[in-house]
Amino acid sequence: MRAAVGAALTGALLVAGSPAQAQPLGDQAEWRVRQEIVDSALHQVGQREGTGNYYPTQYQIPGQGILRPAEWCGVFVNWAWTTAGVPDRPSMRPAPGGSVLDQGHWATYWQKWSKANGRWKDIAERDVEPGDAVVYGNYPDMHAHVGLVVEVKYDRTGRKATHVRTVEGNFGDRVVYSKLRSIEGLNAGKYLQASGFVSPF
């Protein structure tokens, strides 16, 4: 399925070593959303923040309680998912009386939220698809980061990922497009290892 969908992903090819397989019809809507996530993220590469974490205003979606200025890697992932029509996402504000850590501005909250909602994929599983969020660190770490997967290379079975390419906001104060990187040792800096992936579905 993954190999067959690769050619349809505009702007980011899904690479696999196995022969193309038929895509189940029930997955087509989800793959269109994944494509929208990838396309939206790629179109933002190079965007920069102003002084003091004043990131581009288009990422501050009205009605979601999104802070600006703020550390904005989670804001960027939320924007891409929202723009693509992902129906359920981490809240961008904590619940009344809840921990300030439990909202989408906090990078590792994406891990906590996805585990609670059946969306978490541990890095060791090598199960990742374009449009997934990648979390660096573990909840409730303060030193953490979150980005978007835009390209995946799989092994010959087409089931286990070997490499990913990402687009990430607030990396060096801008939106960046990474080189193709191995799943093994995937990181956002020497002491910031990827813990896993969050599926939009």
N, C-alpha and C. Protein backbone atom coordinates (compact mmCIF):
# COMPACT_ATOMS: atom_id res chain seq x y z
N MET A 1 0.83 -1.19 0.00
CA MET A 1 0.00 0.00 0.00
C MET A 1 0.87 1.25 0.00
N ARG A 2 1.90 1.27 0.84
CA ARG A 2 2.73 2.46 0.95
C ARG A 2 3.45 2.77 -0.36
N ALA A 3 3.94 1.71 -1.05
CA ALA A 3 4.63 1.95 -2.31
C ALA A 3 3.69 2.54 -3.34
N ALA A 4 2.46 2.07 -3.38
CA ALA A 4 1.51 2.54 -4.37
C ALA A 4 1.13 3.99 -4.15
N VAL A 5 1.07 4.40 -2.90
CA VAL A 5 0.66 5.76 -2.59
C VAL A 5 1.76 6.75 -2.87
N GLY A 6 3.01 6.28 -2.88
CA GLY A 6 4.15 7.19 -3.00
C GLY A 6 4.06 8.15 -4.16
N ALA A 7 3.70 7.66 -5.33
CA ALA A 7 3.67 8.51 -6.50
C ALA A 7 2.60 9.58 -6.41
N ALA A 8 1.61 9.37 -5.58
CA ALA A 8 0.52 10.34 -5.45
C ALA A 8 0.85 11.48 -4.52
N LEU A 9 1.88 11.34 -3.69
CA LEU A 9 2.21 12.38 -2.74
C LEU A 9 2.95 13.50 -3.45
N THR A 10 2.27 14.61 -3.67
CA THR A 10 2.85 15.74 -4.36
C THR A 10 3.92 16.38 -3.49
N GLY A 11 5.12 16.57 -4.08
CA GLY A 11 6.17 17.27 -3.37
C GLY A 11 7.02 16.40 -2.48
N ALA A 12 6.61 15.19 -2.17
CA ALA A 12 7.43 14.31 -1.33
C ALA A 12 7.11 12.87 -1.70
N LEU A 13 8.09 12.17 -2.23
CA LEU A 13 7.87 10.80 -2.66
C LEU A 13 8.00 9.85 -1.50
N LEU A 14 7.14 8.88 -1.47
CA LEU A 14 7.18 7.81 -0.49
C LEU A 14 7.97 6.69 -1.16
N VAL A 15 9.15 6.38 -0.63
CA VAL A 15 10.04 5.45 -1.30
C VAL A 15 9.95 4.09 -0.65
N ALA A 16 9.84 3.04 -1.44
CA ALA A 16 9.79 1.69 -0.89
C ALA A 16 10.55 0.75 -1.79
N GLY A 17 11.07 -0.33 -1.19
CA GLY A 17 11.82 -1.28 -1.97
C GLY A 17 10.98 -2.42 -2.47
N SER A 18 9.71 -2.49 -2.11
CA SER A 18 8.88 -3.60 -2.51
C SER A 18 7.99 -3.21 -3.68
N PRO A 19 7.44 -4.19 -4.42
CA PRO A 19 6.56 -3.88 -5.53
C PRO A 19 5.32 -3.15 -5.05
N ALA A 20 4.72 -2.35 -5.95
CA ALA A 20 3.51 -1.61 -5.60
C ALA A 20 2.38 -2.57 -5.29
N GLN A 21 1.59 -2.21 -4.30
CA GLN A 21 0.44 -2.99 -3.90
C GLN A 21 -0.81 -2.12 -4.01
N ALA A 22 -1.97 -2.74 -4.14
CA ALA A 22 -3.21 -1.99 -4.26
C ALA A 22 -3.52 -1.26 -2.96
N GLN A 23 -4.00 -0.02 -3.08
CA GLN A 23 -4.36 0.77 -1.92
C GLN A 23 -5.83 0.53 -1.58
N PRO A 24 -6.14 0.14 -0.34
CA PRO A 24 -7.53 -0.04 0.05
C PRO A 24 -8.32 1.25 -0.12
N LEU A 25 -9.53 1.15 -0.67
CA LEU A 25 -10.33 2.33 -0.94
C LEU A 25 -10.64 3.11 0.33
N GLY A 26 -10.80 2.41 1.44
CA GLY A 26 -11.12 3.09 2.69
C GLY A 26 -10.03 4.01 3.18
N ASP A 27 -8.80 3.85 2.67
CA ASP A 27 -7.69 4.67 3.11
C ASP A 27 -7.49 5.92 2.26
N GLN A 28 -8.22 6.07 1.17
CA GLN A 28 -7.95 7.17 0.24
C GLN A 28 -8.15 8.54 0.88
N ALA A 29 -9.21 8.71 1.67
CA ALA A 29 -9.45 10.00 2.32
C ALA A 29 -8.32 10.35 3.28
N GLU A 30 -7.86 9.35 4.03
CA GLU A 30 -6.77 9.60 4.97
C GLU A 30 -5.50 9.96 4.23
N TRP A 31 -5.22 9.31 3.11
CA TRP A 31 -4.02 9.63 2.36
C TRP A 31 -4.08 11.01 1.72
N ARG A 32 -5.29 11.46 1.34
CA ARG A 32 -5.42 12.82 0.84
C ARG A 32 -5.08 13.83 1.93
N VAL A 33 -5.52 13.56 3.15
CA VAL A 33 -5.19 14.45 4.27
C VAL A 33 -3.69 14.44 4.52
N ARG A 34 -3.09 13.25 4.50
CA ARG A 34 -1.64 13.16 4.70
C ARG A 34 -0.90 13.97 3.62
N GLN A 35 -1.38 13.89 2.40
CA GLN A 35 -0.75 14.66 1.32
C GLN A 35 -0.87 16.15 1.58
N GLU A 36 -2.02 16.59 2.09
CA GLU A 36 -2.21 18.00 2.41
C GLU A 36 -1.26 18.45 3.51
N ILE A 37 -1.05 17.59 4.51
CA ILE A 37 -0.11 17.93 5.58
C ILE A 37 1.28 18.14 5.00
N VAL A 38 1.70 17.20 4.17
CA VAL A 38 3.04 17.27 3.56
C VAL A 38 3.17 18.52 2.70
N ASP A 39 2.19 18.77 1.83
CA ASP A 39 2.26 19.92 0.94
C ASP A 39 2.28 21.23 1.72
N SER A 40 1.42 21.33 2.74
CA SER A 40 1.37 22.55 3.55
C SER A 40 2.71 22.80 4.22
N ALA A 41 3.29 21.76 4.79
CA ALA A 41 4.57 21.91 5.48
C ALA A 41 5.68 22.33 4.52
N LEU A 42 5.75 21.68 3.36
CA LEU A 42 6.81 21.99 2.40
C LEU A 42 6.72 23.43 1.90
N HIS A 43 5.52 23.95 1.77
CA HIS A 43 5.35 25.33 1.29
C HIS A 43 5.80 26.37 2.32
N GLN A 44 6.05 25.94 3.55
CA GLN A 44 6.47 26.87 4.60
C GLN A 44 7.98 26.89 4.83
N VAL A 45 8.70 26.02 4.16
CA VAL A 45 10.15 25.94 4.39
C VAL A 45 10.79 27.31 4.13
N GLY A 46 11.59 27.75 5.08
CA GLY A 46 12.27 29.04 4.97
C GLY A 46 11.59 30.15 5.74
N GLN A 47 10.34 29.95 6.16
CA GLN A 47 9.67 30.97 6.97
C GLN A 47 10.43 31.17 8.28
N ARG A 48 10.53 32.42 8.71
CA ARG A 48 11.32 32.72 9.90
C ARG A 48 10.48 33.48 10.92
N GLU A 49 10.89 33.38 12.18
CA GLU A 49 10.24 34.16 13.22
C GLU A 49 10.86 35.54 13.31
N GLY A 50 10.10 36.46 13.90
CA GLY A 50 10.67 37.76 14.23
C GLY A 50 11.37 37.70 15.57
N THR A 51 11.75 38.83 16.08
CA THR A 51 12.45 38.89 17.37
C THR A 51 11.58 38.33 18.49
N GLY A 52 12.15 37.46 19.30
CA GLY A 52 11.48 36.99 20.49
C GLY A 52 10.34 36.01 20.26
N ASN A 53 10.53 35.05 19.34
CA ASN A 53 9.54 33.99 19.09
C ASN A 53 8.23 34.51 18.49
N TYR A 54 8.27 35.63 17.81
CA TYR A 54 7.10 36.09 17.07
C TYR A 54 7.08 35.39 15.71
N TYR A 55 6.54 34.18 15.73
CA TYR A 55 6.50 33.35 14.53
C TYR A 55 5.45 33.90 13.55
N PRO A 56 5.46 33.44 12.28
CA PRO A 56 4.50 33.95 11.28
C PRO A 56 3.06 33.84 11.77
N THR A 57 2.29 34.88 11.58
CA THR A 57 0.94 34.96 12.14
C THR A 57 -0.01 33.90 11.61
N GLN A 58 0.26 33.36 10.41
CA GLN A 58 -0.69 32.37 9.86
C GLN A 58 -0.76 31.09 10.68
N TYR A 59 0.22 30.83 11.54
CA TYR A 59 0.19 29.62 12.35
C TYR A 59 -0.69 29.78 13.60
N GLN A 60 -1.08 31.01 13.89
CA GLN A 60 -1.90 31.29 15.08
C GLN A 60 -3.38 31.23 14.69
N ILE A 61 -3.93 30.03 14.68
CA ILE A 61 -5.30 29.80 14.22
C ILE A 61 -6.30 30.35 15.23
N PRO A 62 -7.23 31.22 14.78
CA PRO A 62 -8.20 31.82 15.70
C PRO A 62 -9.05 30.74 16.39
N GLY A 63 -9.37 31.00 17.65
CA GLY A 63 -10.27 30.13 18.38
C GLY A 63 -9.62 28.92 19.03
N GLN A 64 -8.30 28.74 18.82
CA GLN A 64 -7.63 27.57 19.41
C GLN A 64 -6.81 27.91 20.65
N GLY A 65 -6.78 29.18 21.05
CA GLY A 65 -6.02 29.55 22.24
C GLY A 65 -4.52 29.48 22.02
N ILE A 66 -4.07 29.69 20.79
CA ILE A 66 -2.65 29.58 20.47
C ILE A 66 -1.91 30.85 20.89
N LEU A 67 -0.80 30.66 21.59
CA LEU A 67 -0.01 31.79 22.09
C LEU A 67 0.93 32.32 21.01
N ARG A 68 1.15 33.62 21.04
CA ARG A 68 2.16 34.27 20.22
C ARG A 68 2.57 35.54 20.93
N PRO A 69 3.84 35.70 21.28
CA PRO A 69 4.97 34.84 20.97
C PRO A 69 4.98 33.57 21.82
N ALA A 70 5.68 32.57 21.34
CA ALA A 70 5.83 31.30 22.06
C ALA A 70 6.85 30.45 21.33
N GLU A 71 7.39 29.46 22.05
CA GLU A 71 8.13 28.40 21.36
C GLU A 71 7.11 27.69 20.46
N TRP A 72 7.40 27.56 19.18
CA TRP A 72 6.31 27.28 18.24
C TRP A 72 6.44 26.02 17.39
N CYS A 73 7.28 25.08 17.78
CA CYS A 73 7.35 23.84 16.99
C CYS A 73 6.00 23.10 17.02
N GLY A 74 5.37 23.04 18.20
CA GLY A 74 4.06 22.40 18.29
C GLY A 74 2.98 23.19 17.59
N VAL A 75 3.11 24.52 17.60
CA VAL A 75 2.16 25.38 16.90
C VAL A 75 2.20 25.07 15.40
N PHE A 76 3.39 24.89 14.87
CA PHE A 76 3.54 24.61 13.44
C PHE A 76 2.91 23.27 13.07
N VAL A 77 3.14 22.24 13.87
CA VAL A 77 2.54 20.93 13.59
C VAL A 77 1.02 21.03 13.67
N ASN A 78 0.52 21.71 14.69
CA ASN A 78 -0.92 21.90 14.82
C ASN A 78 -1.50 22.63 13.60
N TRP A 79 -0.81 23.66 13.14
CA TRP A 79 -1.27 24.42 11.97
C TRP A 79 -1.36 23.52 10.74
N ALA A 80 -0.33 22.71 10.48
CA ALA A 80 -0.34 21.83 9.30
C ALA A 80 -1.46 20.80 9.39
N TRP A 81 -1.65 20.21 10.55
CA TRP A 81 -2.73 19.23 10.72
C TRP A 81 -4.10 19.90 10.57
N THR A 82 -4.26 21.08 11.17
CA THR A 82 -5.54 21.78 11.08
C THR A 82 -5.84 22.16 9.63
N THR A 83 -4.85 22.71 8.95
CA THR A 83 -5.01 23.13 7.56
C THR A 83 -5.42 21.96 6.68
N ALA A 84 -4.88 20.77 6.96
CA ALA A 84 -5.18 19.59 6.16
C ALA A 84 -6.52 18.94 6.52
N GLY A 85 -7.12 19.36 7.62
CA GLY A 85 -8.42 18.82 8.00
C GLY A 85 -8.37 17.65 8.96
N VAL A 86 -7.27 17.49 9.71
CA VAL A 86 -7.22 16.44 10.73
C VAL A 86 -8.25 16.77 11.81
N PRO A 87 -9.21 15.89 12.06
CA PRO A 87 -10.32 16.26 12.95
C PRO A 87 -9.95 16.33 14.43
N ASP A 88 -9.05 15.48 14.90
CA ASP A 88 -8.71 15.44 16.32
C ASP A 88 -7.23 15.71 16.50
N ARG A 89 -6.94 16.71 17.33
CA ARG A 89 -5.55 17.12 17.56
C ARG A 89 -5.38 17.45 19.04
N PRO A 90 -4.15 17.48 19.53
CA PRO A 90 -3.94 17.93 20.90
C PRO A 90 -4.47 19.36 21.08
N SER A 91 -5.14 19.60 22.17
CA SER A 91 -5.62 20.95 22.46
C SER A 91 -4.44 21.90 22.62
N MET A 92 -4.60 23.12 22.14
CA MET A 92 -3.54 24.10 22.26
C MET A 92 -3.66 24.93 23.54
N ARG A 93 -4.52 24.50 24.44
CA ARG A 93 -4.57 25.10 25.77
C ARG A 93 -4.92 24.02 26.78
N PRO A 94 -4.40 24.11 28.00
CA PRO A 94 -4.70 23.07 28.99
C PRO A 94 -6.16 23.12 29.41
N ALA A 95 -6.68 21.99 29.86
CA ALA A 95 -8.04 21.93 30.38
C ALA A 95 -8.12 22.78 31.65
N PRO A 96 -9.29 23.33 31.97
CA PRO A 96 -9.43 24.11 33.20
C PRO A 96 -8.93 23.33 34.41
N GLY A 97 -8.02 23.91 35.13
CA GLY A 97 -7.45 23.26 36.30
C GLY A 97 -6.40 22.22 35.99
N GLY A 98 -6.12 22.00 34.70
CA GLY A 98 -5.15 20.99 34.30
C GLY A 98 -3.73 21.51 34.32
N SER A 99 -2.78 20.62 34.10
CA SER A 99 -1.37 20.98 34.06
C SER A 99 -1.07 21.84 32.84
N VAL A 100 -0.22 22.83 33.04
CA VAL A 100 0.20 23.68 31.92
C VAL A 100 0.97 22.88 30.88
N LEU A 101 1.47 21.71 31.26
CA LEU A 101 2.20 20.86 30.33
C LEU A 101 1.28 20.14 29.36
N ASP A 102 0.00 20.07 29.68
CA ASP A 102 -0.92 19.26 28.88
C ASP A 102 -1.63 20.09 27.83
N GLN A 103 -0.84 20.57 26.86
CA GLN A 103 -1.37 21.31 25.72
C GLN A 103 -0.33 21.28 24.61
N GLY A 104 -0.80 21.52 23.39
CA GLY A 104 0.02 21.29 22.21
C GLY A 104 1.21 22.19 22.01
N HIS A 105 1.33 23.27 22.82
CA HIS A 105 2.55 24.07 22.77
C HIS A 105 3.73 23.28 23.35
N TRP A 106 3.42 22.33 24.21
CA TRP A 106 4.46 21.53 24.89
C TRP A 106 4.78 20.33 24.00
N ALA A 107 5.98 20.30 23.44
CA ALA A 107 6.30 19.32 22.40
C ALA A 107 6.00 17.88 22.80
N THR A 108 6.38 17.49 24.02
CA THR A 108 6.18 16.09 24.38
C THR A 108 4.75 15.78 24.79
N TYR A 109 3.89 16.80 24.92
CA TYR A 109 2.48 16.50 25.15
C TYR A 109 1.90 15.74 23.95
N TRP A 110 2.47 15.96 22.76
CA TRP A 110 2.02 15.20 21.59
C TRP A 110 2.18 13.70 21.83
N GLN A 111 3.23 13.32 22.55
CA GLN A 111 3.42 11.92 22.91
C GLN A 111 2.34 11.46 23.90
N LYS A 112 2.14 12.23 24.97
CA LYS A 112 1.16 11.85 25.98
C LYS A 112 -0.24 11.75 25.37
N TRP A 113 -0.61 12.77 24.59
CA TRP A 113 -1.93 12.80 23.96
C TRP A 113 -2.13 11.61 23.03
N SER A 114 -1.13 11.30 22.23
CA SER A 114 -1.27 10.22 21.25
C SER A 114 -1.33 8.86 21.91
N LYS A 115 -0.63 8.67 23.00
CA LYS A 115 -0.72 7.41 23.74
C LYS A 115 -2.13 7.23 24.30
N ALA A 116 -2.72 8.31 24.79
CA ALA A 116 -4.06 8.25 25.35
C ALA A 116 -5.13 8.04 24.29
N ASN A 117 -4.79 8.36 23.02
CA ASN A 117 -5.77 8.28 21.94
C ASN A 117 -5.44 7.23 20.87
N GLY A 118 -4.54 6.32 21.19
CA GLY A 118 -4.21 5.23 20.27
C GLY A 118 -3.51 5.67 19.00
N ARG A 119 -2.73 6.75 19.08
CA ARG A 119 -2.05 7.28 17.89
C ARG A 119 -0.53 7.17 17.97
N TRP A 120 -0.01 6.64 19.07
CA TRP A 120 1.44 6.63 19.29
C TRP A 120 2.09 5.44 18.62
N LYS A 121 3.28 5.67 18.00
CA LYS A 121 4.09 4.62 17.38
C LYS A 121 5.52 4.79 17.86
N ASP A 122 5.96 3.90 18.72
CA ASP A 122 7.30 3.99 19.28
C ASP A 122 8.35 3.90 18.18
N ILE A 123 9.45 4.62 18.36
CA ILE A 123 10.51 4.68 17.35
C ILE A 123 11.01 3.29 16.97
N ALA A 124 11.05 2.36 17.95
CA ALA A 124 11.56 1.02 17.69
C ALA A 124 10.69 0.23 16.72
N GLU A 125 9.43 0.61 16.60
CA GLU A 125 8.52 -0.10 15.69
C GLU A 125 8.80 0.20 14.22
N ARG A 126 9.47 1.34 13.97
CA ARG A 126 9.79 1.77 12.59
C ARG A 126 8.53 1.83 11.73
N ASP A 127 7.45 2.24 12.36
CA ASP A 127 6.15 2.35 11.69
C ASP A 127 5.81 3.83 11.58
N VAL A 128 6.01 4.40 10.41
CA VAL A 128 5.80 5.84 10.23
C VAL A 128 5.33 6.10 8.81
N GLU A 129 4.50 7.13 8.64
CA GLU A 129 3.98 7.50 7.34
C GLU A 129 4.05 9.02 7.19
N PRO A 130 4.11 9.52 5.96
CA PRO A 130 4.09 10.97 5.76
C PRO A 130 2.87 11.59 6.41
N GLY A 131 3.07 12.74 7.03
CA GLY A 131 2.00 13.41 7.75
C GLY A 131 2.02 13.15 9.24
N ASP A 132 2.75 12.11 9.67
CA ASP A 132 2.91 11.86 11.10
C ASP A 132 3.74 12.98 11.73
N ALA A 133 3.50 13.23 13.00
CA ALA A 133 4.39 14.10 13.78
C ALA A 133 5.50 13.22 14.35
N VAL A 134 6.69 13.79 14.46
CA VAL A 134 7.80 13.10 15.12
C VAL A 134 8.12 13.85 16.40
N VAL A 135 8.21 13.12 17.51
CA VAL A 135 8.47 13.72 18.82
C VAL A 135 9.89 13.39 19.24
N TYR A 136 10.62 14.43 19.63
CA TYR A 136 11.97 14.28 20.17
C TYR A 136 11.91 14.55 21.66
N GLY A 137 12.23 13.53 22.46
CA GLY A 137 12.11 13.64 23.91
C GLY A 137 10.93 12.84 24.41
N ASN A 138 10.72 12.86 25.71
CA ASN A 138 9.64 12.12 26.36
C ASN A 138 8.91 13.03 27.34
N TYR A 139 7.59 12.87 27.39
CA TYR A 139 6.79 13.65 28.33
C TYR A 139 7.24 13.37 29.76
N PRO A 140 7.41 14.36 30.61
CA PRO A 140 7.15 15.79 30.43
C PRO A 140 8.41 16.62 30.20
N ASP A 141 9.40 16.08 29.46
CA ASP A 141 10.67 16.78 29.26
C ASP A 141 10.46 18.21 28.79
N MET A 142 11.27 19.11 29.32
CA MET A 142 11.26 20.49 28.85
C MET A 142 12.13 20.63 27.62
N HIS A 143 13.25 19.92 27.60
CA HIS A 143 14.14 19.97 26.44
C HIS A 143 13.59 18.99 25.42
N ALA A 144 12.81 19.47 24.45
CA ALA A 144 12.09 18.59 23.53
C ALA A 144 11.75 19.35 22.26
N HIS A 145 11.22 18.62 21.29
CA HIS A 145 10.91 19.23 19.99
C HIS A 145 9.91 18.32 19.28
N VAL A 146 9.13 18.88 18.34
CA VAL A 146 8.20 18.10 17.54
C VAL A 146 8.21 18.65 16.12
N GLY A 147 8.13 17.76 15.13
CA GLY A 147 8.13 18.16 13.73
C GLY A 147 7.20 17.28 12.92
N LEU A 148 7.29 17.39 11.60
CA LEU A 148 6.41 16.65 10.68
C LEU A 148 7.23 15.79 9.74
N VAL A 149 6.80 14.55 9.55
CA VAL A 149 7.43 13.65 8.58
C VAL A 149 6.84 13.94 7.20
N VAL A 150 7.70 14.17 6.21
CA VAL A 150 7.21 14.46 4.85
C VAL A 150 7.65 13.43 3.83
N GLU A 151 8.56 12.56 4.19
CA GLU A 151 9.02 11.52 3.27
C GLU A 151 9.52 10.34 4.07
N VAL A 152 9.25 9.13 3.58
CA VAL A 152 9.67 7.91 4.27
C VAL A 152 10.29 6.95 3.27
N LYS A 153 11.40 6.36 3.64
CA LYS A 153 12.00 5.28 2.86
C LYS A 153 11.83 4.00 3.66
N TYR A 154 11.33 2.94 3.01
CA TYR A 154 11.07 1.68 3.68
C TYR A 154 12.05 0.60 3.23
N ASP A 155 12.10 -0.46 4.02
CA ASP A 155 12.92 -1.61 3.64
C ASP A 155 12.23 -2.38 2.51
N ARG A 156 12.79 -3.51 2.11
CA ARG A 156 12.27 -4.26 0.96
C ARG A 156 10.87 -4.80 1.17
N THR A 157 10.47 -4.94 2.43
CA THR A 157 9.11 -5.44 2.70
C THR A 157 8.06 -4.34 2.51
N GLY A 158 8.50 -3.08 2.51
CA GLY A 158 7.56 -1.97 2.42
C GLY A 158 6.82 -1.71 3.71
N ARG A 159 7.25 -2.35 4.81
CA ARG A 159 6.52 -2.24 6.08
C ARG A 159 7.31 -1.52 7.17
N LYS A 160 8.62 -1.63 7.13
CA LYS A 160 9.45 -1.03 8.18
C LYS A 160 10.24 0.15 7.60
N ALA A 161 10.12 1.30 8.23
CA ALA A 161 10.83 2.48 7.77
C ALA A 161 12.33 2.36 8.07
N THR A 162 13.13 2.86 7.16
CA THR A 162 14.58 2.92 7.39
C THR A 162 15.06 4.37 7.51
N HIS A 163 14.42 5.30 6.78
CA HIS A 163 14.83 6.70 6.78
C HIS A 163 13.60 7.60 6.69
N VAL A 164 13.73 8.81 7.21
CA VAL A 164 12.67 9.81 7.07
C VAL A 164 13.29 11.17 6.73
N ARG A 165 12.47 11.99 6.10
CA ARG A 165 12.80 13.41 5.90
C ARG A 165 11.70 14.21 6.60
N THR A 166 12.06 15.30 7.24
CA THR A 166 11.09 16.06 8.03
C THR A 166 11.08 17.53 7.63
N VAL A 167 9.98 18.20 7.98
CA VAL A 167 9.90 19.66 7.99
C VAL A 167 9.55 20.05 9.42
N GLU A 168 10.31 20.98 9.99
CA GLU A 168 10.16 21.31 11.40
C GLU A 168 10.16 22.82 11.60
N GLY A 169 9.20 23.31 12.39
CA GLY A 169 9.14 24.72 12.73
C GLY A 169 9.93 25.01 13.99
N ASN A 170 10.37 26.27 14.10
CA ASN A 170 11.14 26.72 15.26
C ASN A 170 12.42 25.92 15.45
N PHE A 171 13.03 25.54 14.35
CA PHE A 171 14.34 24.89 14.40
C PHE A 171 15.34 25.93 13.89
N GLY A 172 16.12 26.49 14.82
CA GLY A 172 16.96 27.62 14.45
C GLY A 172 16.13 28.84 14.09
N ASP A 173 14.96 28.97 14.73
CA ASP A 173 14.05 30.11 14.56
C ASP A 173 13.41 30.18 13.17
N ARG A 174 13.33 29.05 12.48
CA ARG A 174 12.70 29.05 11.16
C ARG A 174 12.12 27.68 10.87
N VAL A 175 11.47 27.56 9.71
CA VAL A 175 10.95 26.27 9.25
C VAL A 175 12.03 25.64 8.36
N VAL A 176 12.44 24.41 8.70
CA VAL A 176 13.54 23.77 7.99
C VAL A 176 13.10 22.45 7.37
N TYR A 177 13.80 22.08 6.31
CA TYR A 177 13.58 20.84 5.56
C TYR A 177 14.82 19.99 5.75
N SER A 178 14.68 18.83 6.38
CA SER A 178 15.86 18.03 6.73
C SER A 178 16.32 17.17 5.56
N LYS A 179 17.53 16.71 5.67
CA LYS A 179 18.02 15.68 4.76
C LYS A 179 17.35 14.36 5.13
N LEU A 180 17.46 13.36 4.27
CA LEU A 180 16.94 12.02 4.57
C LEU A 180 17.80 11.43 5.68
N ARG A 181 17.16 11.08 6.80
CA ARG A 181 17.91 10.63 7.98
C ARG A 181 17.47 9.23 8.41
N SER A 182 18.42 8.47 8.91
CA SER A 182 18.14 7.12 9.37
C SER A 182 17.23 7.15 10.59
N ILE A 183 16.29 6.19 10.65
CA ILE A 183 15.45 6.03 11.84
C ILE A 183 16.32 5.72 13.05
N GLU A 184 17.34 4.92 12.84
CA GLU A 184 18.26 4.58 13.93
C GLU A 184 19.04 5.81 14.34
N GLY A 185 18.86 6.25 15.56
CA GLY A 185 19.57 7.43 16.04
C GLY A 185 18.95 8.75 15.62
N LEU A 186 17.72 8.74 15.13
CA LEU A 186 17.06 9.97 14.69
C LEU A 186 17.02 10.98 15.84
N ASN A 187 17.45 12.19 15.57
CA ASN A 187 17.51 13.19 16.63
C ASN A 187 17.35 14.59 16.09
N ALA A 188 17.12 15.53 17.01
CA ALA A 188 17.05 16.95 16.67
C ALA A 188 18.18 17.68 17.40
N GLY A 189 19.28 17.04 17.53
CA GLY A 189 20.42 17.55 18.27
C GLY A 189 21.04 16.42 19.07
N LYS A 190 22.27 16.62 19.48
CA LYS A 190 23.05 15.55 20.12
C LYS A 190 22.32 14.90 21.28
N TYR A 191 21.59 15.68 22.08
CA TYR A 191 20.95 15.14 23.28
C TYR A 191 19.43 15.11 23.16
N LEU A 192 18.93 15.09 21.93
CA LEU A 192 17.49 15.16 21.72
C LEU A 192 17.06 14.06 20.75
N GLN A 193 16.91 12.85 21.28
CA GLN A 193 16.59 11.68 20.48
C GLN A 193 15.09 11.58 20.20
N ALA A 194 14.74 11.13 19.01
CA ALA A 194 13.34 10.89 18.68
C ALA A 194 12.82 9.71 19.49
N SER A 195 11.64 9.87 20.07
CA SER A 195 11.02 8.79 20.84
C SER A 195 9.96 8.05 20.05
N GLY A 196 9.37 8.70 19.04
CA GLY A 196 8.36 8.03 18.24
C GLY A 196 7.56 9.00 17.40
N PHE A 197 6.44 8.48 16.86
CA PHE A 197 5.63 9.21 15.90
C PHE A 197 4.17 9.25 16.33
N VAL A 198 3.49 10.32 15.92
CA VAL A 198 2.08 10.51 16.23
C VAL A 198 1.31 10.50 14.91
N SER A 199 0.37 9.59 14.79
CA SER A 199 -0.44 9.50 13.58
C SER A 199 -1.60 10.48 13.65
N PRO A 200 -1.96 11.13 12.52
CA PRO A 200 -3.12 12.00 12.52
C PRO A 200 -4.45 11.24 12.55
N PHE A 201 -4.41 9.91 12.43
CA PHE A 201 -5.63 9.09 12.43
C PHE A 201 -5.47 7.92 13.37
